[in-house]
Amino acid sequence: MRAKKKGFPDLNKDGKVDKKDILKGRGVPGFKKGGKLNISNKSVSIDPPAGHHWMEEQGRYYLMKGDYKPHPGAVKKAKFKLVDHS
C-alpha cells in the first residue's frame, strides 16, 4: 500500500488548498486583515487606458480594445464607488 502524498497545508481551514493558503503561508502583508468593506457615497470616474474603452453591462464595467466610439454599452468613463476596510 502506498503512502498518501502530502500536499500544501490548508492554512485558512476552509477545506481546500488554494491561492489564499499559499499567500498566507508566504506571510504576504495585509492578507490576514480582511473584514467588512465600508462603502462610501463618494465615487470616482476613471478614464480607460490608451487604446481601450469602457463597456457597461448590468452595472459592471469591462475594458474593450479600441478607442471609444459610440455604440450600445460603450461609455467614456467608468464610475466606481469608493470603499475602505473596517
PDB file of N, CA and C in Angstrom:
ATOM      1  N   MET A   1       0.841  -1.171   0.000  1.00  0.00           N
ATOM      2  CA  MET A   1       0.000   0.000   0.000  1.00  0.00           C
ATOM      3  C   MET A   1       0.895   1.245   0.000  1.00  0.00           C
ATOM      4  N   ARG A   2       0.586   2.193  -0.859  1.00  0.00           N
ATOM      5  CA  ARG A   2       1.383   3.414  -0.962  1.00  0.00           C
ATOM      6  C   ARG A   2       0.917   4.437   0.057  1.00  0.00           C
ATOM      7  N   ALA A   3       1.871   5.209   0.556  1.00  0.00           N
ATOM      8  CA  ALA A   3       1.538   6.277   1.500  1.00  0.00           C
ATOM      9  C   ALA A   3       0.867   7.418   0.745  1.00  0.00           C
ATOM     10  N   LYS A   4      -0.051   8.078   1.400  1.00  0.00           N
ATOM     11  CA  LYS A   4      -0.761   9.198   0.794  1.00  0.00           C
ATOM     12  C   LYS A   4       0.202  10.375   0.610  1.00  0.00           C
ATOM     13  N   LYS A   5       0.204  10.935  -0.566  1.00  0.00           N
ATOM     14  CA  LYS A   5       1.078  12.061  -0.875  1.00  0.00           C
ATOM     15  C   LYS A   5       0.607  13.298  -0.117  1.00  0.00           C
ATOM     16  N   LYS A   6       1.541  13.948   0.582  1.00  0.00           N
ATOM     17  CA  LYS A   6       1.194  15.155   1.331  1.00  0.00           C
ATOM     18  C   LYS A   6       1.342  16.360   0.424  1.00  0.00           C
ATOM     19  N   GLY A   7       0.371  17.247   0.480  1.00  0.00           N
ATOM     20  CA  GLY A   7       0.407  18.464  -0.304  1.00  0.00           C
ATOM     21  C   GLY A   7       0.573  19.670   0.597  1.00  0.00           C
ATOM     22  N   PHE A   8       0.278  20.810   0.072  1.00  0.00           N
ATOM     23  CA  PHE A   8       0.365  22.050   0.833  1.00  0.00           C
ATOM     24  C   PHE A   8      -0.747  22.066   1.881  1.00  0.00           C
ATOM     25  N   PRO A   9      -0.470  22.521   3.099  1.00  0.00           N
ATOM     26  CA  PRO A   9      -1.494  22.503   4.157  1.00  0.00           C
ATOM     27  C   PRO A   9      -2.602  23.537   3.942  1.00  0.00           C
ATOM     28  N   ASP A  10      -3.770  23.224   4.454  1.00  0.00           N
ATOM     29  CA  ASP A  10      -4.923  24.124   4.400  1.00  0.00           C
ATOM     30  C   ASP A  10      -4.805  25.111   5.561  1.00  0.00           C
ATOM     31  N   LEU A  11      -4.064  26.200   5.344  1.00  0.00           N
ATOM     32  CA  LEU A  11      -3.733  27.136   6.416  1.00  0.00           C
ATOM     33  C   LEU A  11      -4.912  27.967   6.906  1.00  0.00           C
ATOM     34  N   ASN A  12      -5.870  28.261   6.019  1.00  0.00           N
ATOM     35  CA  ASN A  12      -7.005  29.079   6.467  1.00  0.00           C
ATOM     36  C   ASN A  12      -8.221  28.231   6.835  1.00  0.00           C
ATOM     37  N   LYS A  13      -8.047  26.922   6.859  1.00  0.00           N
ATOM     38  CA  LYS A  13      -9.060  25.971   7.353  1.00  0.00           C
ATOM     39  C   LYS A  13     -10.414  26.108   6.669  1.00  0.00           C
ATOM     40  N   ASP A  14     -10.398  26.292   5.317  1.00  0.00           N
ATOM     41  CA  ASP A  14     -11.668  26.383   4.592  1.00  0.00           C
ATOM     42  C   ASP A  14     -12.008  25.085   3.858  1.00  0.00           C
ATOM     43  N   GLY A  15     -11.206  24.033   4.082  1.00  0.00           N
ATOM     44  CA  GLY A  15     -11.498  22.736   3.489  1.00  0.00           C
ATOM     45  C   GLY A  15     -10.888  22.504   2.121  1.00  0.00           C
ATOM     46  N   LYS A  16     -10.139  23.471   1.604  1.00  0.00           N
ATOM     47  CA  LYS A  16      -9.491  23.308   0.302  1.00  0.00           C
ATOM     48  C   LYS A  16      -8.163  24.060   0.314  1.00  0.00           C
ATOM     49  N   VAL A  17      -7.239  23.596  -0.492  1.00  0.00           N
ATOM     50  CA  VAL A  17      -5.946  24.255  -0.612  1.00  0.00           C
ATOM     51  C   VAL A  17      -5.991  25.093  -1.879  1.00  0.00           C
ATOM     52  N   ASP A  18      -5.799  26.410  -1.706  1.00  0.00           N
ATOM     53  CA  ASP A  18      -5.860  27.308  -2.860  1.00  0.00           C
ATOM     54  C   ASP A  18      -4.859  28.442  -2.685  1.00  0.00           C
ATOM     55  N   LYS A  19      -4.972  29.444  -3.532  1.00  0.00           N
ATOM     56  CA  LYS A  19      -4.031  30.562  -3.527  1.00  0.00           C
ATOM     57  C   LYS A  19      -3.994  31.291  -2.182  1.00  0.00           C
ATOM     58  N   LYS A  20      -5.143  31.357  -1.500  1.00  0.00           N
ATOM     59  CA  LYS A  20      -5.194  32.015  -0.188  1.00  0.00           C
ATOM     60  C   LYS A  20      -4.242  31.337   0.793  1.00  0.00           C
ATOM     61  N   ASP A  21      -4.200  30.001   0.773  1.00  0.00           N
ATOM     62  CA  ASP A  21      -3.317  29.271   1.677  1.00  0.00           C
ATOM     63  C   ASP A  21      -1.853  29.558   1.358  1.00  0.00           C
ATOM     64  N   ILE A  22      -1.534  29.634   0.086  1.00  0.00           N
ATOM     65  CA  ILE A  22      -0.157  29.916  -0.327  1.00  0.00           C
ATOM     66  C   ILE A  22       0.254  31.321   0.096  1.00  0.00           C
ATOM     67  N   LEU A  23      -0.628  32.305  -0.116  1.00  0.00           N
ATOM     68  CA  LEU A  23      -0.322  33.675   0.291  1.00  0.00           C
ATOM     69  C   LEU A  23      -0.140  33.763   1.801  1.00  0.00           C
ATOM     70  N   LYS A  24      -1.006  33.095   2.542  1.00  0.00           N
ATOM     71  CA  LYS A  24      -0.890  33.107   3.997  1.00  0.00           C
ATOM     72  C   LYS A  24       0.408  32.438   4.424  1.00  0.00           C
ATOM     73  N   GLY A  25       0.759  31.337   3.772  1.00  0.00           N
ATOM     74  CA  GLY A  25       1.996  30.627   4.080  1.00  0.00           C
ATOM     75  C   GLY A  25       3.236  31.448   3.792  1.00  0.00           C
ATOM     76  N   ARG A  26       3.177  32.291   2.790  1.00  0.00           N
ATOM     77  CA  ARG A  26       4.308  33.152   2.447  1.00  0.00           C
ATOM     78  C   ARG A  26       4.380  34.390   3.335  1.00  0.00           C
ATOM     79  N   GLY A  27       3.351  34.620   4.143  1.00  0.00           N
ATOM     80  CA  GLY A  27       3.356  35.779   5.019  1.00  0.00           C
ATOM     81  C   GLY A  27       3.117  37.082   4.291  1.00  0.00           C
ATOM     82  N   VAL A  28       2.306  37.054   3.247  1.00  0.00           N
ATOM     83  CA  VAL A  28       2.022  38.264   2.473  1.00  0.00           C
ATOM     84  C   VAL A  28       1.370  39.304   3.381  1.00  0.00           C
ATOM     85  N   PRO A  29       1.938  40.520   3.442  1.00  0.00           N
ATOM     86  CA  PRO A  29       1.381  41.563   4.319  1.00  0.00           C
ATOM     87  C   PRO A  29      -0.061  41.901   3.943  1.00  0.00           C
ATOM     88  N   GLY A  30      -0.884  42.116   4.960  1.00  0.00           N
ATOM     89  CA  GLY A  30      -2.264  42.514   4.734  1.00  0.00           C
ATOM     90  C   GLY A  30      -3.209  41.369   4.425  1.00  0.00           C
ATOM     91  N   PHE A  31      -2.673  40.171   4.205  1.00  0.00           N
ATOM     92  CA  PHE A  31      -3.545  39.050   3.869  1.00  0.00           C
ATOM     93  C   PHE A  31      -4.485  38.711   5.015  1.00  0.00           C
ATOM     94  N   LYS A  32      -3.994  38.817   6.230  1.00  0.00           N
ATOM     95  CA  LYS A  32      -4.783  38.401   7.390  1.00  0.00           C
ATOM     96  C   LYS A  32      -5.834  39.426   7.773  1.00  0.00           C
ATOM     97  N   LYS A  33      -5.754  40.654   7.238  1.00  0.00           N
ATOM     98  CA  LYS A  33      -6.625  41.741   7.667  1.00  0.00           C
ATOM     99  C   LYS A  33      -8.100  41.422   7.411  1.00  0.00           C
ATOM    100  N   GLY A  34      -8.532  41.482   6.177  1.00  0.00           N
ATOM    101  CA  GLY A  34      -9.909  41.147   5.830  1.00  0.00           C
ATOM    102  C   GLY A  34     -10.935  42.017   6.519  1.00  0.00           C
ATOM    103  N   GLY A  35     -12.125  41.505   6.722  1.00  0.00           N
ATOM    104  CA  GLY A  35     -13.185  42.250   7.378  1.00  0.00           C
ATOM    105  C   GLY A  35     -14.169  42.813   6.373  1.00  0.00           C
ATOM    106  N   LYS A  36     -15.107  43.594   6.872  1.00  0.00           N
ATOM    107  CA  LYS A  36     -16.129  44.191   6.019  1.00  0.00           C
ATOM    108  C   LYS A  36     -15.589  45.401   5.280  1.00  0.00           C
ATOM    109  N   LEU A  37     -16.214  45.703   4.169  1.00  0.00           N
ATOM    110  CA  LEU A  37     -15.891  46.909   3.423  1.00  0.00           C
ATOM    111  C   LEU A  37     -16.888  47.998   3.783  1.00  0.00           C
ATOM    112  N   ASN A  38     -16.374  49.197   3.973  1.00  0.00           N
ATOM    113  CA  ASN A  38     -17.230  50.357   4.180  1.00  0.00           C
ATOM    114  C   ASN A  38     -17.399  51.052   2.841  1.00  0.00           C
ATOM    115  N   ILE A  39     -18.603  51.042   2.309  1.00  0.00           N
ATOM    116  CA  ILE A  39     -18.878  51.661   1.011  1.00  0.00           C
ATOM    117  C   ILE A  39     -19.351  53.082   1.257  1.00  0.00           C
ATOM    118  N   SER A  40     -18.611  54.047   0.691  1.00  0.00           N
ATOM    119  CA  SER A  40     -18.967  55.449   0.896  1.00  0.00           C
ATOM    120  C   SER A  40     -19.929  55.921  -0.191  1.00  0.00           C
ATOM    121  N   ASN A  41     -20.450  57.112  -0.013  1.00  0.00           N
ATOM    122  CA  ASN A  41     -21.322  57.710  -1.031  1.00  0.00           C
ATOM    123  C   ASN A  41     -20.505  58.373  -2.134  1.00  0.00           C
ATOM    124  N   LYS A  42     -19.184  58.483  -1.931  1.00  0.00           N
ATOM    125  CA  LYS A  42     -18.313  59.105  -2.923  1.00  0.00           C
ATOM    126  C   LYS A  42     -18.009  58.113  -4.036  1.00  0.00           C
ATOM    127  N   SER A  43     -17.739  58.641  -5.220  1.00  0.00           N
ATOM    128  CA  SER A  43     -17.359  57.790  -6.337  1.00  0.00           C
ATOM    129  C   SER A  43     -16.317  58.515  -7.180  1.00  0.00           C
ATOM    130  N   VAL A  44     -15.635  57.759  -8.025  1.00  0.00           N
ATOM    131  CA  VAL A  44     -14.651  58.320  -8.949  1.00  0.00           C
ATOM    132  C   VAL A  44     -14.967  57.827 -10.351  1.00  0.00           C
ATOM    133  N   SER A  45     -14.697  58.668 -11.334  1.00  0.00           N
ATOM    134  CA  SER A  45     -14.846  58.280 -12.734  1.00  0.00           C
ATOM    135  C   SER A  45     -13.454  58.069 -13.322  1.00  0.00           C
ATOM    136  N   ILE A  46     -13.244  56.920 -13.916  1.00  0.00           N
ATOM    137  CA  ILE A  46     -11.924  56.523 -14.395  1.00  0.00           C
ATOM    138  C   ILE A  46     -11.910  56.458 -15.918  1.00  0.00           C
ATOM    139  N   ASP A  47     -10.906  57.113 -16.513  1.00  0.00           N
ATOM    140  CA  ASP A  47     -10.693  57.011 -17.954  1.00  0.00           C
ATOM    141  C   ASP A  47     -10.098  55.636 -18.271  1.00  0.00           C
ATOM    142  N   PRO A  48     -10.371  55.107 -19.448  1.00  0.00           N
ATOM    143  CA  PRO A  48      -9.770  53.819 -19.820  1.00  0.00           C
ATOM    144  C   PRO A  48      -8.304  54.008 -20.208  1.00  0.00           C
ATOM    145  N   PRO A  49      -7.510  52.939 -20.186  1.00  0.00           N
ATOM    146  CA  PRO A  49      -6.135  53.031 -20.666  1.00  0.00           C
ATOM    147  C   PRO A  49      -6.125  53.367 -22.162  1.00  0.00           C
ATOM    148  N   ALA A  50      -5.020  53.894 -22.641  1.00  0.00           N
ATOM    149  CA  ALA A  50      -4.897  54.246 -24.058  1.00  0.00           C
ATOM    150  C   ALA A  50      -5.185  53.025 -24.933  1.00  0.00           C
ATOM    151  N   GLY A  51      -5.949  53.250 -25.988  1.00  0.00           N
ATOM    152  CA  GLY A  51      -6.267  52.175 -26.923  1.00  0.00           C
ATOM    153  C   GLY A  51      -7.410  51.276 -26.485  1.00  0.00           C
ATOM    154  N   HIS A  52      -8.123  51.672 -25.428  1.00  0.00           N
ATOM    155  CA  HIS A  52      -9.248  50.882 -24.913  1.00  0.00           C
ATOM    156  C   HIS A  52     -10.428  51.804 -24.631  1.00  0.00           C
ATOM    157  N   HIS A  53     -11.582  51.213 -24.417  1.00  0.00           N
ATOM    158  CA  HIS A  53     -12.751  51.968 -23.956  1.00  0.00           C
ATOM    159  C   HIS A  53     -13.563  51.080 -23.015  1.00  0.00           C
ATOM    160  N   TRP A  54     -14.391  51.716 -22.213  1.00  0.00           N
ATOM    161  CA  TRP A  54     -15.208  51.002 -21.244  1.00  0.00           C
ATOM    162  C   TRP A  54     -16.511  50.525 -21.876  1.00  0.00           C
ATOM    163  N   MET A  55     -16.943  49.353 -21.450  1.00  0.00           N
ATOM    164  CA  MET A  55     -18.256  48.822 -21.787  1.00  0.00           C
ATOM    165  C   MET A  55     -18.986  48.600 -20.463  1.00  0.00           C
ATOM    166  N   GLU A  56     -20.264  48.969 -20.422  1.00  0.00           N
ATOM    167  CA  GLU A  56     -21.062  48.742 -19.220  1.00  0.00           C
ATOM    168  C   GLU A  56     -22.158  47.744 -19.550  1.00  0.00           C
ATOM    169  N   GLU A  57     -22.265  46.722 -18.699  1.00  0.00           N
ATOM    170  CA  GLU A  57     -23.301  45.713 -18.878  1.00  0.00           C
ATOM    171  C   GLU A  57     -23.812  45.311 -17.502  1.00  0.00           C
ATOM    172  N   GLN A  58     -25.086  45.504 -17.253  1.00  0.00           N
ATOM    173  CA  GLN A  58     -25.745  45.166 -15.988  1.00  0.00           C
ATOM    174  C   GLN A  58     -25.003  45.753 -14.790  1.00  0.00           C
ATOM    175  N   GLY A  59     -24.557  47.007 -14.919  1.00  0.00           N
ATOM    176  CA  GLY A  59     -23.905  47.705 -13.815  1.00  0.00           C
ATOM    177  C   GLY A  59     -22.443  47.377 -13.613  1.00  0.00           C
ATOM    178  N   ARG A  60     -21.867  46.540 -14.461  1.00  0.00           N
ATOM    179  CA  ARG A  60     -20.444  46.192 -14.363  1.00  0.00           C
ATOM    180  C   ARG A  60     -19.711  46.779 -15.554  1.00  0.00           C
ATOM    181  N   TYR A  61     -18.431  47.110 -15.316  1.00  0.00           N
ATOM    182  CA  TYR A  61     -17.616  47.707 -16.370  1.00  0.00           C
ATOM    183  C   TYR A  61     -16.576  46.718 -16.861  1.00  0.00           C
ATOM    184  N   TYR A  62     -16.359  46.729 -18.164  1.00  0.00           N
ATOM    185  CA  TYR A  62     -15.374  45.879 -18.809  1.00  0.00           C
ATOM    186  C   TYR A  62     -14.553  46.737 -19.760  1.00  0.00           C
ATOM    187  N   LEU A  63     -13.280  46.357 -19.969  1.00  0.00           N
ATOM    188  CA  LEU A  63     -12.438  47.053 -20.927  1.00  0.00           C
ATOM    189  C   LEU A  63     -12.511  46.352 -22.269  1.00  0.00           C
ATOM    190  N   MET A  64     -12.608  47.140 -23.327  1.00  0.00           N
ATOM    191  CA  MET A  64     -12.623  46.596 -24.678  1.00  0.00           C
ATOM    192  C   MET A  64     -11.529  47.294 -25.472  1.00  0.00           C
ATOM    193  N   LYS A  65     -10.813  46.535 -26.287  1.00  0.00           N
ATOM    194  CA  LYS A  65      -9.772  47.121 -27.128  1.00  0.00           C
ATOM    195  C   LYS A  65     -10.392  48.054 -28.153  1.00  0.00           C
ATOM    196  N   GLY A  66      -9.654  49.100 -28.478  1.00  0.00           N
ATOM    197  CA  GLY A  66     -10.119  50.073 -29.459  1.00  0.00           C
ATOM    198  C   GLY A  66     -10.555  51.357 -28.785  1.00  0.00           C
ATOM    199  N   ASP A  67     -10.329  52.464 -29.459  1.00  0.00           N
ATOM    200  CA  ASP A  67     -10.729  53.761 -28.915  1.00  0.00           C
ATOM    201  C   ASP A  67     -12.250  53.873 -28.852  1.00  0.00           C
ATOM    202  N   TYR A  68     -12.725  54.802 -28.021  1.00  0.00           N
ATOM    203  CA  TYR A  68     -14.159  54.977 -27.808  1.00  0.00           C
ATOM    204  C   TYR A  68     -14.842  55.469 -29.080  1.00  0.00           C
ATOM    205  N   LYS A  69     -15.909  54.791 -29.449  1.00  0.00           N
ATOM    206  CA  LYS A  69     -16.831  55.212 -30.494  1.00  0.00           C
ATOM    207  C   LYS A  69     -18.216  54.869 -29.961  1.00  0.00           C
ATOM    208  N   PRO A  70     -19.161  55.779 -30.048  1.00  0.00           N
ATOM    209  CA  PRO A  70     -20.495  55.479 -29.513  1.00  0.00           C
ATOM    210  C   PRO A  70     -21.099  54.216 -30.137  1.00  0.00           C
ATOM    211  N   HIS A  71     -21.453  53.271 -29.301  1.00  0.00           N
ATOM    212  CA  HIS A  71     -22.190  52.072 -29.693  1.00  0.00           C
ATOM    213  C   HIS A  71     -22.849  51.507 -28.437  1.00  0.00           C
ATOM    214  N   PRO A  72     -23.811  50.602 -28.563  1.00  0.00           N
ATOM    215  CA  PRO A  72     -24.542  50.104 -27.393  1.00  0.00           C
ATOM    216  C   PRO A  72     -23.605  49.547 -26.320  1.00  0.00           C
ATOM    217  N   GLY A  73     -23.742  50.080 -25.113  1.00  0.00           N
ATOM    218  CA  GLY A  73     -22.949  49.630 -23.979  1.00  0.00           C
ATOM    219  C   GLY A  73     -21.656  50.396 -23.761  1.00  0.00           C
ATOM    220  N   ALA A  74     -21.196  51.147 -24.739  1.00  0.00           N
ATOM    221  CA  ALA A  74     -19.935  51.881 -24.614  1.00  0.00           C
ATOM    222  C   ALA A  74     -20.133  53.133 -23.761  1.00  0.00           C
ATOM    223  N   VAL A  75     -19.199  53.384 -22.858  1.00  0.00           N
ATOM    224  CA  VAL A  75     -19.222  54.592 -22.031  1.00  0.00           C
ATOM    225  C   VAL A  75     -17.819  55.201 -22.035  1.00  0.00           C
ATOM    226  N   LYS A  76     -17.750  56.543 -21.888  1.00  0.00           N
ATOM    227  CA  LYS A  76     -16.456  57.228 -21.920  1.00  0.00           C
ATOM    228  C   LYS A  76     -15.658  57.013 -20.642  1.00  0.00           C
ATOM    229  N   LYS A  77     -16.335  56.966 -19.494  1.00  0.00           N
ATOM    230  CA  LYS A  77     -15.674  56.775 -18.205  1.00  0.00           C
ATOM    231  C   LYS A  77     -16.437  55.754 -17.383  1.00  0.00           C
ATOM    232  N   ALA A  78     -15.702  54.998 -16.568  1.00  0.00           N
ATOM    233  CA  ALA A  78     -16.323  54.035 -15.667  1.00  0.00           C
ATOM    234  C   ALA A  78     -16.437  54.683 -14.291  1.00  0.00           C
ATOM    235  N   LYS A  79     -17.577  54.539 -13.660  1.00  0.00           N
ATOM    236  CA  LYS A  79     -17.827  55.158 -12.357  1.00  0.00           C
ATOM    237  C   LYS A  79     -17.782  54.077 -11.277  1.00  0.00           C
ATOM    238  N   PHE A  80     -16.881  54.262 -10.287  1.00  0.00           N
ATOM    239  CA  PHE A  80     -16.706  53.295  -9.224  1.00  0.00           C
ATOM    240  C   PHE A  80     -16.959  53.947  -7.869  1.00  0.00           C
ATOM    241  N   LYS A  81     -17.568  53.202  -6.952  1.00  0.00           N
ATOM    242  CA  LYS A  81     -17.761  53.661  -5.578  1.00  0.00           C
ATOM    243  C   LYS A  81     -16.452  53.495  -4.828  1.00  0.00           C
ATOM    244  N   LEU A  82     -16.191  54.388  -3.870  1.00  0.00           N
ATOM    245  CA  LEU A  82     -15.011  54.274  -3.035  1.00  0.00           C
ATOM    246  C   LEU A  82     -15.330  53.441  -1.799  1.00  0.00           C
ATOM    247  N   VAL A  83     -14.404  52.555  -1.442  1.00  0.00           N
ATOM    248  CA  VAL A  83     -14.585  51.703  -0.271  1.00  0.00           C
ATOM    249  C   VAL A  83     -13.305  51.684   0.551  1.00  0.00           C
ATOM    250  N   ASP A  84     -13.411  51.282   1.814  1.00  0.00           N
ATOM    251  CA  ASP A  84     -12.251  51.017   2.641  1.00  0.00           C
ATOM    252  C   ASP A  84     -12.585  49.894   3.623  1.00  0.00           C
ATOM    253  N   HIS A  85     -11.550  49.312   4.204  1.00  0.00           N
ATOM    254  CA  HIS A  85     -11.750  48.213   5.172  1.00  0.00           C
ATOM    255  C   HIS A  85     -12.147  48.778   6.538  1.00  0.00           C
ATOM    256  N   SER A  86     -12.969  48.011   7.236  1.00  0.00           N
ATOM    257  CA  SER A  86     -13.339  48.430   8.591  1.00  0.00           C
ATOM    258  C   SER A  86     -12.281  48.023   9.585  1.00  0.00           C
TER     259      SER A  86
END
